[in-house]
Amino acid sequence: DEVEIEDMEWNAELGAYTYPCPCGDLFQITLADLRLGEEIARC
């Protein structure tokens, strides 16, 4: 899927923006990844 960063939630414990995955876990992308221009959040 394609998700706007505004629709993701900041998780301080993980140090990452997260979004629910259908498998029950969370897609994650870190602030460091975003600073580097990364656009893929992985489960």
PDB file of all heavy atoms in Angstrom:
ATOM      1  N   ASP A   1       0.845  -1.187   0.000  1.00  0.00           N
ATOM      2  CA  ASP A   1       0.000   0.000   0.000  1.00  0.00           C
ATOM      3  C   ASP A   1       0.881   1.238   0.000  1.00  0.00           C
ATOM      4  O   ASP A   1       2.099   1.146   0.156  1.00  0.00           O
ATOM      5  CB  ASP A   1      -0.892   0.001   1.248  1.00  0.00           C
ATOM      6  CG  ASP A   1      -2.138   0.872   1.106  1.00  0.00           C
ATOM      7  OD1 ASP A   1      -2.300   1.541   0.067  1.00  0.00           O
ATOM      8  OD2 ASP A   1      -2.963   0.872   2.044  1.00  0.00           O
ATOM      9  N   GLU A   2       0.255   2.383  -0.170  1.00  0.00           N
ATOM     10  CA  GLU A   2       0.938   3.669  -0.112  1.00  0.00           C
ATOM     11  C   GLU A   2       0.258   4.471   0.991  1.00  0.00           C
ATOM     12  O   GLU A   2      -0.964   4.616   0.993  1.00  0.00           O
ATOM     13  CB  GLU A   2       0.808   4.372  -1.463  1.00  0.00           C
ATOM     14  CG  GLU A   2       1.622   5.617  -1.598  1.00  0.00           C
ATOM     15  CD  GLU A   2       1.562   6.166  -3.007  1.00  0.00           C
ATOM     16  OE1 GLU A   2       2.296   5.666  -3.877  1.00  0.00           O
ATOM     17  OE2 GLU A   2       0.756   7.083  -3.239  1.00  0.00           O
ATOM     18  N   VAL A   3       1.031   4.973   1.956  1.00  0.00           N
ATOM     19  CA  VAL A   3       0.461   5.636   3.129  1.00  0.00           C
ATOM     20  C   VAL A   3       1.153   6.977   3.352  1.00  0.00           C
ATOM     21  O   VAL A   3       2.373   7.072   3.252  1.00  0.00           O
ATOM     22  CB  VAL A   3       0.644   4.742   4.386  1.00  0.00           C
ATOM     23  CG1 VAL A   3       0.161   5.451   5.632  1.00  0.00           C
ATOM     24  CG2 VAL A   3      -0.080   3.425   4.212  1.00  0.00           C
ATOM     25  N   GLU A   4       0.359   8.002   3.662  1.00  0.00           N
ATOM     26  CA  GLU A   4       0.907   9.314   4.003  1.00  0.00           C
ATOM     27  C   GLU A   4       1.528   9.240   5.399  1.00  0.00           C
ATOM     28  O   GLU A   4       0.991   8.585   6.291  1.00  0.00           O
ATOM     29  CB  GLU A   4      -0.209  10.366   4.023  1.00  0.00           C
ATOM     30  CG  GLU A   4      -0.923  10.531   2.695  1.00  0.00           C
ATOM     31  CD  GLU A   4      -0.234  11.490   1.759  1.00  0.00           C
ATOM     32  OE1 GLU A   4       0.574  12.313   2.238  1.00  0.00           O
ATOM     33  OE2 GLU A   4      -0.500  11.407   0.558  1.00  0.00           O
ATOM     34  N   ILE A   5       2.626   9.926   5.615  1.00  0.00           N
ATOM     35  CA  ILE A   5       3.297   9.918   6.911  1.00  0.00           C
ATOM     36  C   ILE A   5       2.348  10.418   8.005  1.00  0.00           C
ATOM     37  O   ILE A   5       2.400   9.956   9.143  1.00  0.00           O
ATOM     38  CB  ILE A   5       4.617  10.742   6.890  1.00  0.00           C
ATOM     39  CG1 ILE A   5       5.454  10.490   8.146  1.00  0.00           C
ATOM     40  CG2 ILE A   5       4.342  12.224   6.717  1.00  0.00           C
ATOM     41  CD1 ILE A   5       6.169   9.195   8.170  1.00  0.00           C
ATOM     42  N   GLU A   6       1.439  11.316   7.660  1.00  0.00           N
ATOM     43  CA  GLU A   6       0.476  11.848   8.624  1.00  0.00           C
ATOM     44  C   GLU A   6      -0.470  10.767   9.142  1.00  0.00           C
ATOM     45  O   GLU A   6      -1.054  10.904  10.216  1.00  0.00           O
ATOM     46  CB  GLU A   6      -0.346  12.988   8.008  1.00  0.00           C
ATOM     47  CG  GLU A   6       0.448  14.243   7.710  1.00  0.00           C
ATOM     48  CD  GLU A   6       1.173  14.195   6.363  1.00  0.00           C
ATOM     49  OE1 GLU A   6       0.938  13.244   5.579  1.00  0.00           O
ATOM     50  OE2 GLU A   6       1.990  15.082   6.103  1.00  0.00           O
ATOM     51  N   ASP A   7      -0.642   9.699   8.376  1.00  0.00           N
ATOM     52  CA  ASP A   7      -1.523   8.597   8.778  1.00  0.00           C
ATOM     53  C   ASP A   7      -0.799   7.560   9.633  1.00  0.00           C
ATOM     54  O   ASP A   7      -1.430   6.634  10.140  1.00  0.00           O
ATOM     55  CB  ASP A   7      -2.132   7.914   7.553  1.00  0.00           C
ATOM     56  CG  ASP A   7      -3.047   8.843   6.782  1.00  0.00           C
ATOM     57  OD1 ASP A   7      -3.652   9.738   7.409  1.00  0.00           O
ATOM     58  OD2 ASP A   7      -3.158   8.682   5.555  1.00  0.00           O
ATOM     59  N   MET A   8       0.502   7.721   9.782  1.00  0.00           N
ATOM     60  CA  MET A   8       1.289   6.805  10.606  1.00  0.00           C
ATOM     61  C   MET A   8       1.390   7.371  12.021  1.00  0.00           C
ATOM     62  O   MET A   8       1.123   8.549  12.247  1.00  0.00           O
ATOM     63  CB  MET A   8       2.677   6.602   9.996  1.00  0.00           C
ATOM     64  CG  MET A   8       2.615   5.979   8.605  1.00  0.00           C
ATOM     65  SD  MET A   8       4.236   5.684   7.894  1.00  0.00           S
ATOM     66  CE  MET A   8       4.661   4.135   8.682  1.00  0.00           C
ATOM     67  N   GLU A   9       1.748   6.529  12.962  1.00  0.00           N
ATOM     68  CA  GLU A   9       1.847   6.942  14.360  1.00  0.00           C
ATOM     69  C   GLU A   9       3.293   6.833  14.828  1.00  0.00           C
ATOM     70  O   GLU A   9       3.968   5.852  14.541  1.00  0.00           O
ATOM     71  CB  GLU A   9       0.964   6.024  15.202  1.00  0.00           C
ATOM     72  CG  GLU A   9       0.883   6.423  16.651  1.00  0.00           C
ATOM     73  CD  GLU A   9      -0.120   5.568  17.404  1.00  0.00           C
ATOM     74  OE1 GLU A   9      -1.228   5.343  16.889  1.00  0.00           O
ATOM     75  OE2 GLU A   9       0.242   5.115  18.508  1.00  0.00           O
ATOM     76  N   TRP A  10       3.758   7.851  15.562  1.00  0.00           N
ATOM     77  CA  TRP A  10       5.113   7.817  16.123  1.00  0.00           C
ATOM     78  C   TRP A  10       5.115   6.889  17.327  1.00  0.00           C
ATOM     79  O   TRP A  10       4.293   7.000  18.229  1.00  0.00           O
ATOM     80  CB  TRP A  10       5.575   9.214  16.516  1.00  0.00           C
ATOM     81  CG  TRP A  10       6.899   9.171  17.218  1.00  0.00           C
ATOM     82  CD1 TRP A  10       7.136   9.391  18.538  1.00  0.00           C
ATOM     83  CD2 TRP A  10       8.169   8.858  16.630  1.00  0.00           C
ATOM     84  NE1 TRP A  10       8.483   9.246  18.804  1.00  0.00           N
ATOM     85  CE2 TRP A  10       9.140   8.914  17.654  1.00  0.00           C
ATOM     86  CE3 TRP A  10       8.572   8.537  15.336  1.00  0.00           C
ATOM     87  CZ2 TRP A  10      10.485   8.673  17.418  1.00  0.00           C
ATOM     88  CZ3 TRP A  10       9.911   8.286  15.102  1.00  0.00           C
ATOM     89  CH2 TRP A  10      10.852   8.348  16.131  1.00  0.00           C
ATOM     90  N   ASN A  11       6.049   5.949  17.348  1.00  0.00           N
ATOM     91  CA  ASN A  11       6.203   5.022  18.469  1.00  0.00           C
ATOM     92  C   ASN A  11       7.576   5.290  19.078  1.00  0.00           C
ATOM     93  O   ASN A  11       8.596   4.874  18.521  1.00  0.00           O
ATOM     94  CB  ASN A  11       6.082   3.576  17.973  1.00  0.00           C
ATOM     95  CG  ASN A  11       6.163   2.562  19.081  1.00  0.00           C
ATOM     96  OD1 ASN A  11       7.005   2.665  19.978  1.00  0.00           O
ATOM     97  ND2 ASN A  11       5.312   1.565  19.003  1.00  0.00           N
ATOM     98  N   ALA A  12       7.585   5.979  20.220  1.00  0.00           N
ATOM     99  CA  ALA A  12       8.849   6.354  20.857  1.00  0.00           C
ATOM    100  C   ALA A  12       9.633   5.125  21.311  1.00  0.00           C
ATOM    101  O   ALA A  12      10.856   5.115  21.271  1.00  0.00           O
ATOM    102  CB  ALA A  12       8.588   7.284  22.038  1.00  0.00           C
ATOM    103  N   GLU A  13       8.937   4.081  21.730  1.00  0.00           N
ATOM    104  CA  GLU A  13       9.605   2.852  22.184  1.00  0.00           C
ATOM    105  C   GLU A  13      10.408   2.213  21.051  1.00  0.00           C
ATOM    106  O   GLU A  13      11.523   1.742  21.251  1.00  0.00           O
ATOM    107  CB  GLU A  13       8.560   1.872  22.704  1.00  0.00           C
ATOM    108  CG  GLU A  13       9.144   0.628  23.330  1.00  0.00           C
ATOM    109  CD  GLU A  13       8.060  -0.280  23.893  1.00  0.00           C
ATOM    110  OE1 GLU A  13       7.227   0.219  24.661  1.00  0.00           O
ATOM    111  OE2 GLU A  13       8.065  -1.468  23.545  1.00  0.00           O
ATOM    112  N   LEU A  14       9.844   2.215  19.850  1.00  0.00           N
ATOM    113  CA  LEU A  14      10.542   1.649  18.684  1.00  0.00           C
ATOM    114  C   LEU A  14      11.443   2.673  18.002  1.00  0.00           C
ATOM    115  O   LEU A  14      12.311   2.316  17.219  1.00  0.00           O
ATOM    116  CB  LEU A  14       9.532   1.122  17.660  1.00  0.00           C
ATOM    117  CG  LEU A  14       8.651  -0.050  18.081  1.00  0.00           C
ATOM    118  CD1 LEU A  14       7.606  -0.339  17.003  1.00  0.00           C
ATOM    119  CD2 LEU A  14       9.511  -1.286  18.323  1.00  0.00           C
ATOM    120  N   GLY A  15      11.195   3.954  18.269  1.00  0.00           N
ATOM    121  CA  GLY A  15      11.944   5.005  17.582  1.00  0.00           C
ATOM    122  C   GLY A  15      11.612   5.032  16.109  1.00  0.00           C
ATOM    123  O   GLY A  15      12.466   5.271  15.268  1.00  0.00           O
ATOM    124  N   ALA A  16      10.316   4.793  15.799  1.00  0.00           N
ATOM    125  CA  ALA A  16       9.902   4.686  14.403  1.00  0.00           C
ATOM    126  C   ALA A  16       8.442   5.094  14.230  1.00  0.00           C
ATOM    127  O   ALA A  16       7.650   5.028  15.165  1.00  0.00           O
ATOM    128  CB  ALA A  16      10.078   3.250  13.922  1.00  0.00           C
ATOM    129  N   TYR A  17       8.121   5.521  13.025  1.00  0.00           N
ATOM    130  CA  TYR A  17       6.728   5.699  12.658  1.00  0.00           C
ATOM    131  C   TYR A  17       6.183   4.315  12.327  1.00  0.00           C
ATOM    132  O   TYR A  17       6.872   3.504  11.709  1.00  0.00           O
ATOM    133  CB  TYR A  17       6.599   6.620  11.436  1.00  0.00           C
ATOM    134  CG  TYR A  17       6.768   8.075  11.784  1.00  0.00           C
ATOM    135  CD1 TYR A  17       8.012   8.686  11.712  1.00  0.00           C
ATOM    136  CD2 TYR A  17       5.684   8.844  12.176  1.00  0.00           C
ATOM    137  CE1 TYR A  17       8.172  10.023  12.038  1.00  0.00           C
ATOM    138  CE2 TYR A  17       5.825  10.178  12.503  1.00  0.00           C
ATOM    139  CZ  TYR A  17       7.069  10.757  12.427  1.00  0.00           C
ATOM    140  OH  TYR A  17       7.225  12.084  12.748  1.00  0.00           O
ATOM    141  N   THR A  18       4.957   4.050  12.739  1.00  0.00           N
ATOM    142  CA  THR A  18       4.373   2.727  12.536  1.00  0.00           C
ATOM    143  C   THR A  18       2.988   2.828  11.890  1.00  0.00           C
ATOM    144  O   THR A  18       2.331   3.878  11.943  1.00  0.00           O
ATOM    145  CB  THR A  18       4.238   1.967  13.866  1.00  0.00           C
ATOM    146  OG1 THR A  18       3.352   2.690  14.727  1.00  0.00           O
ATOM    147  CG2 THR A  18       5.585   1.784  14.545  1.00  0.00           C
ATOM    148  N   TYR A  19       2.593   1.702  11.306  1.00  0.00           N
ATOM    149  CA  TYR A  19       1.275   1.589  10.676  1.00  0.00           C
ATOM    150  C   TYR A  19       0.879   0.120  10.762  1.00  0.00           C
ATOM    151  O   TYR A  19       1.723  -0.754  10.544  1.00  0.00           O
ATOM    152  CB  TYR A  19       1.364   2.043   9.212  1.00  0.00           C
ATOM    153  CG  TYR A  19       0.034   2.198   8.544  1.00  0.00           C
ATOM    154  CD1 TYR A  19      -0.731   3.356   8.727  1.00  0.00           C
ATOM    155  CD2 TYR A  19      -0.463   1.203   7.707  1.00  0.00           C
ATOM    156  CE1 TYR A  19      -1.955   3.508   8.095  1.00  0.00           C
ATOM    157  CE2 TYR A  19      -1.685   1.357   7.082  1.00  0.00           C
ATOM    158  CZ  TYR A  19      -2.428   2.511   7.279  1.00  0.00           C
ATOM    159  OH  TYR A  19      -3.644   2.666   6.653  1.00  0.00           O
ATOM    160  N   PRO A  20      -0.377  -0.181  11.095  1.00  0.00           N
ATOM    161  CA  PRO A  20      -0.789  -1.583  11.263  1.00  0.00           C
ATOM    162  C   PRO A  20      -0.605  -2.415   9.989  1.00  0.00           C
ATOM    163  O   PRO A  20      -0.959  -1.989   8.895  1.00  0.00           O
ATOM    164  CB  PRO A  20      -2.270  -1.493  11.621  1.00  0.00           C
ATOM    165  CG  PRO A  20      -2.484  -0.087  12.084  1.00  0.00           C
ATOM    166  CD  PRO A  20      -1.461   0.740  11.360  1.00  0.00           C
ATOM    167  N   CYS A  21      -0.065  -3.610  10.157  1.00  0.00           N
ATOM    168  CA  CYS A  21       0.107  -4.569   9.066  1.00  0.00           C
ATOM    169  C   CYS A  21      -1.009  -5.617   9.185  1.00  0.00           C
ATOM    170  O   CYS A  21      -1.405  -5.969  10.297  1.00  0.00           O
ATOM    171  CB  CYS A  21       1.481  -5.243   9.185  1.00  0.00           C
ATOM    172  SG  CYS A  21       1.804  -6.449   7.876  1.00  0.00           S
ATOM    173  N   PRO A  22      -1.489  -6.133   8.070  1.00  0.00           N
ATOM    174  CA  PRO A  22      -2.538  -7.153   8.132  1.00  0.00           C
ATOM    175  C   PRO A  22      -2.121  -8.404   8.905  1.00  0.00           C
ATOM    176  O   PRO A  22      -2.981  -9.125   9.409  1.00  0.00           O
ATOM    177  CB  PRO A  22      -2.812  -7.504   6.669  1.00  0.00           C
ATOM    178  CG  PRO A  22      -2.177  -6.462   5.854  1.00  0.00           C
ATOM    179  CD  PRO A  22      -1.147  -5.785   6.698  1.00  0.00           C
ATOM    180  N   CYS A  23      -0.828  -8.649   9.055  1.00  0.00           N
ATOM    181  CA  CYS A  23      -0.373  -9.841   9.775  1.00  0.00           C
ATOM    182  C   CYS A  23      -0.504  -9.681  11.288  1.00  0.00           C
ATOM    183  O   CYS A  23      -0.327 -10.627  12.038  1.00  0.00           O
ATOM    184  CB  CYS A  23       1.066 -10.193   9.401  1.00  0.00           C
ATOM    185  SG  CYS A  23       2.317  -9.194  10.239  1.00  0.00           S
ATOM    186  N   GLY A  24      -0.808  -8.461  11.741  1.00  0.00           N
ATOM    187  CA  GLY A  24      -0.955  -8.205  13.164  1.00  0.00           C
ATOM    188  C   GLY A  24       0.201  -7.434  13.772  1.00  0.00           C
ATOM    189  O   GLY A  24       0.109  -6.949  14.891  1.00  0.00           O
ATOM    190  N   ASP A  25       1.305  -7.316  13.057  1.00  0.00           N
ATOM    191  CA  ASP A  25       2.459  -6.549  13.530  1.00  0.00           C
ATOM    192  C   ASP A  25       2.334  -5.118  13.010  1.00  0.00           C
ATOM    193  O   ASP A  25       1.255  -4.699  12.601  1.00  0.00           O
ATOM    194  CB  ASP A  25       3.760  -7.214  13.058  1.00  0.00           C
ATOM    195  CG  ASP A  25       4.956  -6.892  13.954  1.00  0.00           C
ATOM    196  OD1 ASP A  25       4.880  -5.936  14.741  1.00  0.00           O
ATOM    197  OD2 ASP A  25       5.972  -7.603  13.852  1.00  0.00           O
ATOM    198  N   LEU A  26       3.434  -4.382  12.983  1.00  0.00           N
ATOM    199  CA  LEU A  26       3.432  -2.998  12.527  1.00  0.00           C
ATOM    200  C   LEU A  26       4.493  -2.762  11.460  1.00  0.00           C
ATOM    201  O   LEU A  26       5.634  -3.192  11.614  1.00  0.00           O
ATOM    202  CB  LEU A  26       3.728  -2.054  13.698  1.00  0.00           C
ATOM    203  CG  LEU A  26       2.725  -2.024  14.837  1.00  0.00           C
ATOM    204  CD1 LEU A  26       3.309  -1.255  16.025  1.00  0.00           C
ATOM    205  CD2 LEU A  26       1.419  -1.402  14.390  1.00  0.00           C
ATOM    206  N   PHE A  27       4.118  -2.055  10.397  1.00  0.00           N
ATOM    207  CA  PHE A  27       5.112  -1.546   9.455  1.00  0.00           C
ATOM    208  C   PHE A  27       5.893  -0.493  10.221  1.00  0.00           C
ATOM    209  O   PHE A  27       5.333   0.232  11.044  1.00  0.00           O
ATOM    210  CB  PHE A  27       4.437  -0.887   8.251  1.00  0.00           C
ATOM    211  CG  PHE A  27       3.699  -1.835   7.348  1.00  0.00           C
ATOM    212  CD1 PHE A  27       2.313  -1.899   7.385  1.00  0.00           C
ATOM    213  CD2 PHE A  27       4.384  -2.634   6.453  1.00  0.00           C
ATOM    214  CE1 PHE A  27       1.628  -2.752   6.537  1.00  0.00           C
ATOM    215  CE2 PHE A  27       3.708  -3.496   5.600  1.00  0.00           C
ATOM    216  CZ  PHE A  27       2.323  -3.554   5.650  1.00  0.00           C
ATOM    217  N   GLN A  28       7.200  -0.368   9.944  1.00  0.00           N
ATOM    218  CA  GLN A  28       8.033   0.579  10.673  1.00  0.00           C
ATOM    219  C   GLN A  28       8.996   1.298   9.735  1.00  0.00           C
ATOM    220  O   GLN A  28       9.548   0.692   8.817  1.00  0.00           O
ATOM    221  CB  GLN A  28       8.877  -0.145  11.722  1.00  0.00           C
ATOM    222  CG  GLN A  28       8.087  -0.941  12.708  1.00  0.00           C
ATOM    223  CD  GLN A  28       8.976  -1.780  13.611  1.00  0.00           C
ATOM    224  OE1 GLN A  28      10.160  -1.500  13.767  1.00  0.00           O
ATOM    225  NE2 GLN A  28       8.401  -2.816  14.207  1.00  0.00           N
ATOM    226  N   ILE A  29       9.185   2.590  10.009  1.00  0.00           N
ATOM    227  CA  ILE A  29      10.222   3.360   9.327  1.00  0.00           C
ATOM    228  C   ILE A  29      10.785   4.338  10.349  1.00  0.00           C
ATOM    229  O   ILE A  29      10.037   5.037  11.037  1.00  0.00           O
ATOM    230  CB  ILE A  29       9.701   4.080   8.054  1.00  0.00           C
ATOM    231  CG1 ILE A  29      10.871   4.682   7.263  1.00  0.00           C
ATOM    232  CG2 ILE A  29       8.626   5.102   8.370  1.00  0.00           C
ATOM    233  CD1 ILE A  29      10.525   5.086   5.841  1.00  0.00           C
ATOM    234  N   THR A  30      12.112   4.355  10.492  1.00  0.00           N
ATOM    235  CA  THR A  30      12.742   5.187  11.518  1.00  0.00           C
ATOM    236  C   THR A  30      12.940   6.623  11.029  1.00  0.00           C
ATOM    237  O   THR A  30      12.942   6.897   9.826  1.00  0.00           O
ATOM    238  CB  THR A  30      14.115   4.626  11.926  1.00  0.00           C
ATOM    239  OG1 THR A  30      14.996   4.724  10.802  1.00  0.00           O
ATOM    240  CG2 THR A  30      14.006   3.184  12.410  1.00  0.00           C
ATOM    241  N   LEU A  31      13.144   7.504  11.990  1.00  0.00           N
ATOM    242  CA  LEU A  31      13.433   8.892  11.675  1.00  0.00           C
ATOM    243  C   LEU A  31      14.725   8.990  10.874  1.00  0.00           C
ATOM    244  O   LEU A  31      14.825   9.773   9.928  1.00  0.00           O
ATOM    245  CB  LEU A  31      13.529   9.694  12.976  1.00  0.00           C
ATOM    246  CG  LEU A  31      13.518  11.200  12.881  1.00  0.00           C
ATOM    247  CD1 LEU A  31      12.310  11.707  12.118  1.00  0.00           C
ATOM    248  CD2 LEU A  31      13.554  11.810  14.265  1.00  0.00           C
ATOM    249  N   ALA A  32      15.709   8.168  11.213  1.00  0.00           N
ATOM    250  CA  ALA A  32      16.979   8.152  10.464  1.00  0.00           C
ATOM    251  C   ALA A  32      16.736   7.762   9.009  1.00  0.00           C
ATOM    252  O   ALA A  32      17.331   8.343   8.103  1.00  0.00           O
ATOM    253  CB  ALA A  32      17.969   7.201  11.124  1.00  0.00           C
ATOM    254  N   ASP A  33      15.874   6.767   8.786  1.00  0.00           N
ATOM    255  CA  ASP A  33      15.546   6.362   7.418  1.00  0.00           C
ATOM    256  C   ASP A  33      14.913   7.516   6.653  1.00  0.00           C
ATOM    257  O   ASP A  33      15.255   7.774   5.490  1.00  0.00           O
ATOM    258  CB  ASP A  33      14.574   5.177   7.412  1.00  0.00           C
ATOM    259  CG  ASP A  33      15.206   3.879   7.880  1.00  0.00           C
ATOM    260  OD1 ASP A  33      16.446   3.750   7.797  1.00  0.00           O
ATOM    261  OD2 ASP A  33      14.457   2.986   8.315  1.00  0.00           O
ATOM    262  N   LEU A  34      13.988   8.221   7.302  1.00  0.00           N
ATOM    263  CA  LEU A  34      13.313   9.346   6.650  1.00  0.00           C
ATOM    264  C   LEU A  34      14.307  10.444   6.307  1.00  0.00           C
ATOM    265  O   LEU A  34      14.235  11.033   5.229  1.00  0.00           O
ATOM    266  CB  LEU A  34      12.204   9.887   7.557  1.00  0.00           C
ATOM    267  CG  LEU A  34      11.031   8.937   7.800  1.00  0.00           C
ATOM    268  CD1 LEU A  34      10.149   9.464   8.920  1.00  0.00           C
ATOM    269  CD2 LEU A  34      10.235   8.709   6.532  1.00  0.00           C
ATOM    270  N   ARG A  35      15.249  10.711   7.206  1.00  0.00           N
ATOM    271  CA  ARG A  35      16.273  11.732   6.942  1.00  0.00           C
ATOM    272  C   ARG A  35      17.130  11.382   5.736  1.00  0.00           C
ATOM    273  O   ARG A  35      17.633  12.253   5.043  1.00  0.00           O
ATOM    274  CB  ARG A  35      17.174  11.904   8.159  1.00  0.00           C
ATOM    275  CG  ARG A  35      16.535  12.643   9.284  1.00  0.00           C
ATOM    276  CD  ARG A  35      17.546  12.878  10.389  1.00  0.00           C
ATOM    277  NE  ARG A  35      16.889  13.408  11.563  1.00  0.00           N
ATOM    278  CZ  ARG A  35      17.066  12.945  12.778  1.00  0.00           C
ATOM    279  NH1 ARG A  35      17.897  11.952  13.010  1.00  0.00           N
ATOM    280  NH2 ARG A  35      16.423  13.480  13.790  1.00  0.00           N
ATOM    281  N   LEU A  36      17.317  10.069   5.510  1.00  0.00           N
ATOM    282  CA  LEU A  36      18.120   9.605   4.375  1.00  0.00           C
ATOM    283  C   LEU A  36      17.319   9.532   3.082  1.00  0.00           C
ATOM    284  O   LEU A  36      17.850   9.179   2.042  1.00  0.00           O
ATOM    285  CB  LEU A  36      18.705   8.228   4.683  1.00  0.00           C
ATOM    286  CG  LEU A  36      19.745   8.200   5.802  1.00  0.00           C
ATOM    287  CD1 LEU A  36      20.097   6.755   6.152  1.00  0.00           C
ATOM    288  CD2 LEU A  36      20.989   8.963   5.384  1.00  0.00           C
ATOM    289  N   GLY A  37      16.015   9.852   3.161  1.00  0.00           N
ATOM    290  CA  GLY A  37      15.182   9.821   1.965  1.00  0.00           C
ATOM    291  C   GLY A  37      14.525   8.480   1.706  1.00  0.00           C
ATOM    292  O   GLY A  37      13.908   8.283   0.666  1.00  0.00           O
ATOM    293  N   GLU A  38      14.625   7.563   2.649  1.00  0.00           N
ATOM    294  CA  GLU A  38      13.991   6.242   2.506  1.00  0.00           C
ATOM    295  C   GLU A  38      12.478   6.414   2.476  1.00  0.00           C
ATOM    296  O   GLU A  38      11.931   7.273   3.165  1.00  0.00           O
ATOM    297  CB  GLU A  38      14.397   5.348   3.687  1.00  0.00           C
ATOM    298  CG  GLU A  38      13.794   3.973   3.663  1.00  0.00           C
ATOM    299  CD  GLU A  38      14.236   3.146   2.471  1.00  0.00           C
ATOM    300  OE1 GLU A  38      15.446   2.959   2.290  1.00  0.00           O
ATOM    301  OE2 GLU A  38      13.344   2.691   1.728  1.00  0.00           O
ATOM    302  N   GLU A  39      11.807   5.622   1.672  1.00  0.00           N
ATOM    303  CA  GLU A  39      10.348   5.715   1.600  1.00  0.00           C
ATOM    304  C   GLU A  39       9.666   4.356   1.765  1.00  0.00           C
ATOM    305  O   GLU A  39       8.482   4.233   1.511  1.00  0.00           O
ATOM    306  CB  GLU A  39       9.906   6.388   0.309  1.00  0.00           C
ATOM    307  CG  GLU A  39      10.399   5.721  -0.935  1.00  0.00           C
ATOM    308  CD  GLU A  39      10.036   6.475  -2.198  1.00  0.00           C
ATOM    309  OE1 GLU A  39       9.938   7.714  -2.168  1.00  0.00           O
ATOM    310  OE2 GLU A  39       9.838   5.806  -3.230  1.00  0.00           O
ATOM    311  N   ILE A  40      10.408   3.363   2.219  1.00  0.00           N
ATOM    312  CA  ILE A  40       9.849   2.025   2.417  1.00  0.00           C
ATOM    313  C   ILE A  40       9.754   1.712   3.911  1.00  0.00           C
ATOM    314  O   ILE A  40      10.746   1.768   4.631  1.00  0.00           O
ATOM    315  CB  ILE A  40      10.716   0.953   1.723  1.00  0.00           C
ATOM    316  CG1 ILE A  40      10.813   1.218   0.224  1.00  0.00           C
ATOM    317  CG2 ILE A  40      10.175  -0.444   2.003  1.00  0.00           C
ATOM    318  CD1 ILE A  40       9.492   1.168  -0.521  1.00  0.00           C
ATOM    319  N   ALA A  41       8.530   1.410   4.365  1.00  0.00           N
ATOM    320  CA  ALA A  41       8.308   0.950   5.742  1.00  0.00           C
ATOM    321  C   ALA A  41       8.088  -0.550   5.664  1.00  0.00           C
ATOM    322  O   ALA A  41       7.230  -1.028   4.918  1.00  0.00           O
ATOM    323  CB  ALA A  41       7.093   1.643   6.350  1.00  0.00           C
ATOM    324  N   ARG A  42       8.866  -1.297   6.410  1.00  0.00           N
ATOM    325  CA  ARG A  42       8.799  -2.763   6.366  1.00  0.00           C
ATOM    326  C   ARG A  42       8.143  -3.330   7.613  1.00  0.00           C
ATOM    327  O   ARG A  42       8.216  -2.755   8.681  1.00  0.00           O
ATOM    328  CB  ARG A  42      10.192  -3.347   6.226  1.00  0.00           C
ATOM    329  CG  ARG A  42      10.898  -2.867   4.978  1.00  0.00           C
ATOM    330  CD  ARG A  42      12.223  -3.543   4.736  1.00  0.00           C
ATOM    331  NE  ARG A  42      12.896  -2.960   3.610  1.00  0.00           N
ATOM    332  CZ  ARG A  42      12.616  -3.211   2.338  1.00  0.00           C
ATOM    333  NH1 ARG A  42      11.664  -4.045   2.045  1.00  0.00           N
ATOM    334  NH2 ARG A  42      13.285  -2.623   1.369  1.00  0.00           N
ATOM    335  N   CYS A  43       7.524  -4.486   7.443  1.00  0.00           N
ATOM    336  CA  CYS A  43       6.985  -5.217   8.572  1.00  0.00           C
ATOM    337  C   CYS A  43       8.025  -6.244   8.986  1.00  0.00           C
ATOM    338  O   CYS A  43       8.499  -7.012   8.143  1.00  0.00           O
ATOM    339  CB  CYS A  43       5.679  -5.920   8.204  1.00  0.00           C
ATOM    340  SG  CYS A  43       5.047  -6.938   9.555  1.00  0.00           S
TER     341      CYS A  43
END
